[in-house]
Amino acid sequence: METEKQNGGGGKMKFKPIKGNQSVIPLEANDGTYNAKIVKVEVASTNDQYPMLKISEKLVAAEDDENKEYVGNKLRGMLTFYPDGHENARFARQNLADFCNGLEIDTDLIPEEINDEKDFDPFIEAIMNREHEVYVKLKTKDGNTNVNVNYRAPRAQGSDGGGSTAADPDPEPRAKAKAVKDADEGKAGKPKKAK
């Protein structure tokens, strides 16, 4: 049954009756690992006007049976882009690398110089309608629960208490980065060459 109601403009508005506690905000997903399909990518900007991609993804499968109820829901992740030397550049570039590794595409699809929305076209074309694993982590702050989408597997606790990740099986890039940093800070001679 549809209900008609006078709106402020004098016309009639039609809508379906609903029932549900409007003060309860349903979660899009629970903690866990999902397969997601990229369904929409929007070019936007951060609060400080740097480029950003908002990535809408539809959950197509859940690793855990208890999370199957969330399959079909949409989540939003994001990739941000900062110039060399920016305080957020390291985190943003690691996030991009994790995202690209999951899709088995090269980060070189993002040009070194981004001046316009069109600079993202090859990257967007390469990721649209692709499926990959996403890792959801719920975070609660001040009574509000947010769904965080991550592109790197959560760290697993090993028997030595150290963390390891399935998404980062090759420690060589980290070793090279540390050697370069140490050399820049005068802690080492020359960075070691990658094998």
Protein backbone atom coordinates (compact mmCIF):
# COMPACT_ATOMS: atom_id res chain seq x y z
CA MET A 1 0.00 0.00 0.00
CA GLU A 2 1.37 3.40 -0.93
CA THR A 3 0.66 6.51 1.09
CA GLU A 4 -0.01 9.96 -0.34
CA LYS A 5 0.97 13.06 1.58
CA GLN A 6 0.75 16.74 0.79
CA ASN A 7 4.19 18.21 0.41
CA GLY A 8 4.98 21.85 1.07
CA GLY A 9 4.58 22.74 -2.61
CA GLY A 10 0.96 21.61 -2.81
CA GLY A 11 1.70 18.48 -4.89
CA LYS A 12 1.31 14.91 -3.75
CA MET A 13 4.23 12.72 -2.77
CA LYS A 14 4.01 8.93 -2.96
CA PHE A 15 6.09 6.57 -0.85
CA LYS A 16 5.99 3.06 0.55
CA PRO A 17 5.30 2.69 4.26
CA ILE A 18 8.29 1.50 6.29
CA LYS A 19 8.83 -0.09 9.66
CA GLY A 20 12.10 -0.03 11.58
CA ASN A 21 13.96 1.72 14.38
CA GLN A 22 15.38 4.78 12.64
CA SER A 23 17.87 5.42 15.45
CA VAL A 24 19.76 2.16 14.77
CA ILE A 25 22.41 2.58 12.07
CA PRO A 26 23.05 -0.77 10.36
CA LEU A 27 26.63 -1.72 9.57
CA GLU A 28 27.65 -2.28 5.96
CA ALA A 29 29.95 -5.12 7.06
CA ASN A 30 31.47 -6.79 10.09
CA ASP A 31 35.17 -7.40 10.81
CA GLY A 32 36.46 -9.88 8.26
CA THR A 33 37.74 -10.68 4.80
CA TYR A 34 35.50 -10.22 1.75
CA ASN A 35 35.69 -10.33 -2.02
CA ALA A 36 34.49 -7.04 -3.43
CA LYS A 37 33.76 -5.77 -6.92
CA ILE A 38 34.68 -2.19 -7.81
CA VAL A 39 31.47 -0.62 -9.11
CA LYS A 40 32.19 3.12 -9.09
CA VAL A 41 35.22 5.40 -8.86
CA GLU A 42 34.89 9.13 -8.21
CA VAL A 43 37.70 11.64 -8.53
CA ALA A 44 37.57 14.04 -5.60
CA SER A 45 39.92 16.03 -3.39
CA THR A 46 40.99 15.83 0.22
CA ASN A 47 40.18 18.62 2.68
CA ASP A 48 43.57 20.13 1.86
CA GLN A 49 42.84 19.90 -1.91
CA TYR A 50 45.05 16.94 -2.88
CA PRO A 51 43.71 14.35 -5.36
CA MET A 52 41.66 11.44 -4.04
CA LEU A 53 39.75 8.51 -5.54
CA LYS A 54 36.58 7.37 -3.78
CA ILE A 55 36.13 3.70 -4.58
CA SER A 56 32.67 2.16 -4.20
CA GLU A 57 32.79 -1.61 -3.88
CA LYS A 58 30.04 -4.21 -3.69
CA LEU A 59 30.67 -7.19 -1.43
CA VAL A 60 30.31 -10.35 -3.52
CA ALA A 61 31.55 -12.98 -1.03
CA ALA A 62 32.53 -13.31 2.61
CA GLU A 63 35.28 -15.56 3.94
CA ASP A 64 33.38 -16.31 7.17
CA ASP A 65 29.87 -17.76 7.19
CA GLU A 66 28.86 -15.33 9.93
CA ASN A 67 29.49 -12.43 7.52
CA LYS A 68 27.51 -13.76 4.56
CA GLU A 69 24.58 -11.50 5.53
CA TYR A 70 26.66 -8.51 4.40
CA VAL A 71 27.19 -9.84 0.86
CA GLY A 72 25.52 -7.43 -1.56
CA ASN A 73 26.23 -4.37 0.58
CA LYS A 74 28.39 -1.53 -0.69
CA LEU A 75 31.47 -0.11 0.99
CA ARG A 76 33.60 2.88 0.16
CA GLY A 77 37.35 2.91 0.26
CA MET A 78 39.67 5.65 -0.84
CA LEU A 79 43.06 6.30 -2.30
CA THR A 80 44.77 9.63 -1.69
CA PHE A 81 47.73 11.16 -3.51
CA TYR A 82 50.30 13.52 -2.02
CA PRO A 83 53.49 15.13 -3.33
CA ASP A 84 56.95 13.95 -2.29
CA GLY A 85 57.80 15.05 1.22
CA HIS A 86 54.19 15.43 2.42
CA GLU A 87 53.57 13.96 5.89
CA ASN A 88 50.85 11.63 4.54
CA ALA A 89 52.70 10.50 1.39
CA ARG A 90 54.13 7.31 2.90
CA PHE A 91 50.79 6.01 4.18
CA ALA A 92 48.98 6.97 0.95
CA ARG A 93 51.56 5.26 -1.25
CA GLN A 94 51.55 2.10 0.86
CA ASN A 95 47.76 2.03 0.60
CA LEU A 96 48.01 2.42 -3.19
CA ALA A 97 50.62 -0.37 -3.38
CA ASP A 98 48.42 -2.70 -1.30
CA PHE A 99 45.39 -1.88 -3.47
CA CYS A 100 47.31 -2.50 -6.70
CA ASN A 101 48.90 -5.71 -5.39
CA GLY A 102 45.44 -7.10 -4.63
CA LEU A 103 44.32 -6.40 -8.19
CA GLU A 104 47.65 -7.48 -9.69
CA ILE A 105 48.09 -4.16 -11.52
CA ASP A 106 51.06 -1.82 -11.61
CA THR A 107 51.14 1.40 -9.59
CA ASP A 108 52.74 3.02 -12.67
CA LEU A 109 49.21 3.50 -14.01
CA ILE A 110 49.20 6.57 -11.75
CA PRO A 111 51.39 9.22 -13.38
CA GLU A 112 54.13 10.94 -11.39
CA GLU A 113 52.46 14.27 -12.13
CA ILE A 114 48.71 14.61 -11.55
CA ASN A 115 47.22 17.83 -12.91
CA ASP A 116 43.71 16.89 -13.95
CA GLU A 117 40.96 14.30 -13.44
CA LYS A 118 41.81 12.79 -16.83
CA ASP A 119 45.22 11.77 -15.47
CA PHE A 120 43.38 9.03 -13.56
CA ASP A 121 41.54 7.63 -16.61
CA PRO A 122 43.95 4.71 -17.36
CA PHE A 123 43.96 3.67 -13.69
CA ILE A 124 40.17 3.87 -13.37
CA GLU A 125 39.73 1.89 -16.59
CA ALA A 126 42.09 -0.81 -15.26
CA ILE A 127 40.23 -1.24 -11.94
CA MET A 128 36.54 -0.86 -12.88
CA ASN A 129 34.43 -4.00 -12.40
CA ARG A 130 37.44 -5.92 -11.04
CA GLU A 131 37.17 -8.11 -7.93
CA HIS A 132 39.70 -8.30 -5.12
CA GLU A 133 39.99 -9.05 -1.42
CA VAL A 134 39.21 -6.33 1.08
CA TYR A 135 39.68 -6.45 4.82
CA VAL A 136 37.12 -4.77 7.02
CA LYS A 137 37.92 -3.52 10.50
CA LEU A 138 35.30 -1.88 12.70
CA LYS A 139 36.48 1.05 14.78
CA THR A 140 34.39 2.64 17.51
CA LYS A 141 35.04 6.15 18.74
CA ASP A 142 32.75 8.28 20.88
CA GLY A 143 29.98 5.69 20.55
CA ASN A 144 30.06 5.72 16.74
CA THR A 145 31.16 2.64 14.83
CA ASN A 146 32.88 3.14 11.48
CA VAL A 147 33.65 0.52 8.85
CA ASN A 148 37.26 0.84 7.66
CA VAL A 149 38.17 -0.79 4.36
CA ASN A 150 41.78 -1.99 4.15
CA TYR A 151 43.62 -3.43 1.18
CA ARG A 152 46.28 -5.26 3.21
CA ALA A 153 45.61 -8.41 5.20
CA PRO A 154 45.61 -7.82 8.95
CA ARG A 155 48.78 -8.83 10.75
CA ALA A 156 48.75 -12.36 12.13
CA GLN A 157 50.48 -13.05 15.40
CA GLY A 158 53.23 -15.62 14.90
CA SER A 159 54.68 -17.87 17.57
CA ASP A 160 57.45 -15.33 18.13
CA GLY A 161 54.85 -12.62 18.82
CA GLY A 162 55.85 -10.74 15.69
CA GLY A 163 53.44 -9.78 12.96
CA SER A 164 53.44 -11.07 9.43
CA THR A 165 51.07 -10.50 6.57
CA ALA A 166 49.99 -12.70 3.73
CA ALA A 167 49.71 -9.63 1.49
CA ASP A 168 53.40 -8.72 1.90
CA PRO A 169 55.36 -11.96 1.34
CA ASP A 170 58.43 -10.19 -0.08
CA PRO A 171 60.32 -8.19 2.55
CA GLU A 172 62.89 -6.99 -0.02
CA PRO A 173 61.17 -3.64 -0.87
CA ARG A 174 61.05 -2.76 2.84
CA ALA A 175 64.74 -3.69 3.24
CA LYS A 176 65.69 -1.49 0.28
CA ALA A 177 63.64 1.42 1.64
CA LYS A 178 65.31 1.09 5.06
CA ALA A 179 68.78 0.95 3.49
CA VAL A 180 68.07 4.12 1.49
CA LYS A 181 66.72 5.89 4.58
CA ASP A 182 69.74 4.83 6.65
CA ALA A 183 72.09 6.06 3.92
CA ASP A 184 70.25 9.40 3.76
CA GLU A 185 70.63 9.76 7.52
CA GLY A 186 74.32 8.81 7.43
CA LYS A 187 73.74 5.52 9.31
CA ALA A 188 75.11 3.33 6.56
CA GLY A 189 77.45 3.54 3.62
CA LYS A 190 75.63 2.84 0.38
CA PRO A 191 72.21 1.21 0.09
CA LYS A 192 72.37 -2.47 -0.78
CA LYS A 193 71.31 -3.39 -4.28
CA ALA A 194 68.22 -5.52 -4.70
CA LYS A 195 68.89 -9.06 -5.84
